[in-house]
């Protein structure tokens, strides 16, 4: 299987490059090799690579900054994704694309299933939803994998910020009204590779038979406050912590340019039913991730 991977420097892409290598040749790209704001650059690389499979793990993820950079967010998260879908179909290549829980408004109050109607609250979510719809319009062989609260130790994210604050502050305030699925990038990449290891015959046909949107995130749900507590408890270097208390707060206490959905947890039963795979409980994945500290 010849795979073309976009986003090799990102949290997920870095892990995918290592997991997918056992399945065949992987050509991994990222900026500045590929400019996702330039459709011609995307088309050129896909046609040059002639892949059996395209995996798109790149995205514009600066949620607050997107509010003032609509054109950039739409170019990367929507327009370039549409080009990928068109070129995948032209090359008869399957496409795997990662999307987000932020396509939902968080008002449901229980974990979202794939058939729930999206209603993004911010530009980032709107751009990711636009990318999903362009894939559905242009492609015949695709998996759109919505995930949630992705983290690793390689890039700044909620986990690394909590660990840093715990070593430099005596008190932390963390919101307890935002609920989702903490998802370790390595576990997400490993399950994606396990899925692809089951491909029989031509990837285009195998994925076409199973095409659609799936939710794939860490098993179980947590508030950010609960997640932060678990991070501190699982920290293998607790003696370095200076924090003495962690206090619950509300999202309204921390105004941001972009609104966040309060309850964006994902129900991943469909993915488990179709592929007989699931991510481990988020608490177990967190402990494994922090072993690398």
Foldseek 3Di string as FASTA:
>chain_A
DEEEEEDCPDQQNVLLVVLQVVVDHYHYDYPPQADLLDLVRLLVVCVVRLGQEYEYPDADDPFQVCQVVLSVRLSNQAVSLLSVLQSCVVSLHAYEYEAELQQAQQPPVDADFPPDHGDHQGSNSVSNVNSVVSNVVRHLFYEYEYEYQEDAPSDDGLLVVLVVCQLPDAEAEFAQQAKAFHAYSNLVSNLVSVLVVPDDDRNSVSRSVVYDYFYAYAPDMGGSQVVSVLSQVLQPPNVSGNYNYYHYDHVVVPDGNTDGRRYSYHDGVVVCVVRVDHGYHRSVVSNVRNVVD
